Amino acid sequence: MNKDKKLLNTKDLCEYLGVGTSTAIKLIKNPSATYVIRIGSRYFVNKTLLDTFLDQHTGLGKGAF
């Protein structure tokens, strides 16, 4: 996966998060996921928005240490 990518497909998301395909698909198909972008019939994850979401929901945001 190219680290400069802004949009991640399912395969890239699996690599980035270290999760399996079914877990990645669950994250993408979640209707409240603000980090998902749909282009045509394909789903992508905005990496910046995903990082922000993870920081907010894991307590690992800036200043956590």
N, C-alpha and C. Protein backbone atom coordinates (compact mmCIF):
# COMPACT_ATOMS: atom_id res chain seq x y z
N MET A 1 0.84 -1.19 0.00
CA MET A 1 0.00 0.00 0.00
C MET A 1 0.88 1.24 0.00
N ASN A 2 0.54 2.17 -0.83
CA ASN A 2 1.24 3.44 -0.92
C ASN A 2 0.83 4.31 0.28
N LYS A 3 1.78 4.72 1.10
CA LYS A 3 1.45 5.49 2.31
C LYS A 3 0.89 6.87 2.01
N ASP A 4 1.06 7.36 0.77
CA ASP A 4 0.56 8.67 0.41
C ASP A 4 -0.88 8.64 -0.08
N LYS A 5 -1.47 7.46 -0.16
CA LYS A 5 -2.85 7.36 -0.64
C LYS A 5 -3.80 8.07 0.31
N LYS A 6 -4.74 8.78 -0.24
CA LYS A 6 -5.75 9.46 0.56
C LYS A 6 -7.00 8.60 0.72
N LEU A 7 -7.29 7.79 -0.29
CA LEU A 7 -8.45 6.90 -0.25
C LEU A 7 -7.98 5.46 -0.25
N LEU A 8 -8.54 4.67 0.65
CA LEU A 8 -8.18 3.26 0.78
C LEU A 8 -9.31 2.38 0.29
N ASN A 9 -8.98 1.38 -0.52
CA ASN A 9 -9.99 0.39 -0.87
C ASN A 9 -10.02 -0.68 0.22
N THR A 10 -10.82 -1.70 0.05
CA THR A 10 -10.96 -2.72 1.09
C THR A 10 -9.64 -3.41 1.39
N LYS A 11 -8.90 -3.76 0.35
CA LYS A 11 -7.61 -4.43 0.55
C LYS A 11 -6.64 -3.53 1.32
N ASP A 12 -6.57 -2.27 0.92
CA ASP A 12 -5.68 -1.32 1.61
C ASP A 12 -6.10 -1.13 3.07
N LEU A 13 -7.41 -1.07 3.31
CA LEU A 13 -7.91 -0.91 4.67
C LEU A 13 -7.51 -2.09 5.54
N CYS A 14 -7.61 -3.30 4.99
CA CYS A 14 -7.19 -4.50 5.72
C CYS A 14 -5.73 -4.41 6.13
N GLU A 15 -4.89 -4.01 5.18
CA GLU A 15 -3.45 -3.85 5.46
C GLU A 15 -3.21 -2.77 6.50
N TYR A 16 -3.87 -1.64 6.34
CA TYR A 16 -3.65 -0.48 7.21
C TYR A 16 -4.04 -0.76 8.66
N LEU A 17 -5.18 -1.44 8.84
CA LEU A 17 -5.67 -1.71 10.19
C LEU A 17 -5.25 -3.07 10.73
N GLY A 18 -4.78 -3.94 9.86
CA GLY A 18 -4.40 -5.29 10.30
C GLY A 18 -5.61 -6.14 10.63
N VAL A 19 -6.68 -5.98 9.85
CA VAL A 19 -7.90 -6.75 10.08
C VAL A 19 -8.22 -7.56 8.82
N GLY A 20 -9.15 -8.50 8.97
CA GLY A 20 -9.56 -9.32 7.85
C GLY A 20 -10.57 -8.61 6.97
N THR A 21 -10.86 -9.24 5.84
CA THR A 21 -11.77 -8.66 4.86
C THR A 21 -13.16 -8.45 5.42
N SER A 22 -13.68 -9.42 6.16
CA SER A 22 -15.06 -9.29 6.67
C SER A 22 -15.16 -8.14 7.67
N THR A 23 -14.15 -7.93 8.49
CA THR A 23 -14.16 -6.81 9.44
C THR A 23 -14.07 -5.49 8.70
N ALA A 24 -13.23 -5.43 7.67
CA ALA A 24 -13.11 -4.20 6.88
C ALA A 24 -14.43 -3.86 6.21
N ILE A 25 -15.11 -4.86 5.67
CA ILE A 25 -16.39 -4.63 5.01
C ILE A 25 -17.43 -4.14 6.01
N LYS A 26 -17.43 -4.69 7.21
CA LYS A 26 -18.36 -4.22 8.26
C LYS A 26 -18.11 -2.74 8.57
N LEU A 27 -16.85 -2.35 8.66
CA LEU A 27 -16.51 -0.94 8.92
C LEU A 27 -16.97 -0.05 7.78
N ILE A 28 -16.80 -0.52 6.56
CA ILE A 28 -17.18 0.27 5.39
C ILE A 28 -18.69 0.39 5.26
N LYS A 29 -19.39 -0.68 5.53
CA LYS A 29 -20.85 -0.70 5.33
C LYS A 29 -21.63 -0.08 6.50
N ASN A 30 -20.95 0.29 7.56
CA ASN A 30 -21.60 0.91 8.71
C ASN A 30 -22.21 2.25 8.26
N PRO A 31 -23.54 2.39 8.38
CA PRO A 31 -24.19 3.62 7.89
C PRO A 31 -23.73 4.90 8.60
N SER A 32 -23.22 4.80 9.80
CA SER A 32 -22.79 6.00 10.52
C SER A 32 -21.30 6.32 10.31
N ALA A 33 -20.64 5.57 9.43
CA ALA A 33 -19.21 5.79 9.18
C ALA A 33 -19.02 7.05 8.34
N THR A 34 -18.51 8.08 8.96
CA THR A 34 -18.31 9.37 8.28
C THR A 34 -17.05 9.38 7.42
N TYR A 35 -16.23 8.37 7.53
CA TYR A 35 -14.97 8.30 6.80
C TYR A 35 -15.09 7.54 5.48
N VAL A 36 -16.30 7.07 5.13
CA VAL A 36 -16.52 6.28 3.92
C VAL A 36 -17.03 7.17 2.79
N ILE A 37 -16.47 6.97 1.61
CA ILE A 37 -16.87 7.69 0.41
C ILE A 37 -17.27 6.65 -0.62
N ARG A 38 -18.41 6.88 -1.24
CA ARG A 38 -18.86 5.97 -2.30
C ARG A 38 -18.69 6.66 -3.64
N ILE A 39 -17.99 5.99 -4.54
CA ILE A 39 -17.79 6.47 -5.90
C ILE A 39 -18.36 5.41 -6.83
N GLY A 40 -19.49 5.73 -7.41
CA GLY A 40 -20.19 4.73 -8.22
C GLY A 40 -20.67 3.62 -7.30
N SER A 41 -20.30 2.40 -7.61
CA SER A 41 -20.69 1.27 -6.76
C SER A 41 -19.55 0.84 -5.84
N ARG A 42 -18.45 1.58 -5.86
CA ARG A 42 -17.28 1.21 -5.04
C ARG A 42 -17.21 2.09 -3.79
N TYR A 43 -16.73 1.49 -2.73
CA TYR A 43 -16.57 2.17 -1.45
C TYR A 43 -15.09 2.38 -1.17
N PHE A 44 -14.77 3.57 -0.67
CA PHE A 44 -13.41 3.90 -0.27
C PHE A 44 -13.44 4.54 1.11
N VAL A 45 -12.33 4.45 1.80
CA VAL A 45 -12.20 5.06 3.12
C VAL A 45 -11.22 6.22 3.02
N ASN A 46 -11.65 7.39 3.47
CA ASN A 46 -10.78 8.56 3.52
C ASN A 46 -9.83 8.35 4.71
N LYS A 47 -8.56 8.20 4.42
CA LYS A 47 -7.57 7.85 5.44
C LYS A 47 -7.48 8.91 6.54
N THR A 48 -7.53 10.17 6.17
CA THR A 48 -7.44 11.26 7.14
C THR A 48 -8.62 11.22 8.11
N LEU A 49 -9.83 11.06 7.55
CA LEU A 49 -11.03 10.99 8.40
C LEU A 49 -11.02 9.74 9.27
N LEU A 50 -10.52 8.63 8.73
CA LEU A 50 -10.43 7.39 9.51
C LEU A 50 -9.47 7.58 10.68
N ASP A 51 -8.32 8.20 10.42
CA ASP A 51 -7.35 8.44 11.50
C ASP A 51 -7.96 9.31 12.59
N THR A 52 -8.69 10.34 12.21
CA THR A 52 -9.35 11.22 13.18
C THR A 52 -10.38 10.43 13.99
N PHE A 53 -11.17 9.62 13.31
CA PHE A 53 -12.17 8.78 13.97
C PHE A 53 -11.50 7.84 14.98
N LEU A 54 -10.43 7.19 14.58
CA LEU A 54 -9.73 6.26 15.47
C LEU A 54 -9.13 6.98 16.67
N ASP A 55 -8.55 8.15 16.43
CA ASP A 55 -7.98 8.94 17.53
C ASP A 55 -9.06 9.30 18.55
N GLN A 56 -10.22 9.70 18.08
CA GLN A 56 -11.32 10.11 18.97
C GLN A 56 -11.90 8.93 19.74
N HIS A 57 -11.93 7.76 19.12
CA HIS A 57 -12.59 6.62 19.73
C HIS A 57 -11.66 5.68 20.47
N THR A 58 -10.36 5.92 20.41
CA THR A 58 -9.43 5.07 21.14
C THR A 58 -8.69 5.82 22.25
N GLY A 59 -8.89 7.13 22.32
CA GLY A 59 -8.20 7.91 23.35
C GLY A 59 -6.74 8.12 23.05
N LEU A 60 -6.35 7.88 21.81
CA LEU A 60 -4.94 8.04 21.44
C LEU A 60 -4.69 9.30 20.63
N GLY A 61 -5.55 10.28 20.78
CA GLY A 61 -5.40 11.53 20.05
C GLY A 61 -4.19 12.32 20.51
N LYS A 62 -3.99 13.46 19.92
CA LYS A 62 -2.85 14.30 20.27
C LYS A 62 -2.89 14.65 21.75
N GLY A 63 -1.75 14.57 22.38
CA GLY A 63 -1.64 14.91 23.79
C GLY A 63 -2.03 13.76 24.72
N ALA A 64 -2.20 12.57 24.15
CA ALA A 64 -2.60 11.43 24.98
C ALA A 64 -1.43 10.94 25.84
N PHE A 65 -0.21 11.24 25.42
CA PHE A 65 0.95 10.75 26.17
C PHE A 65 1.68 11.89 26.82
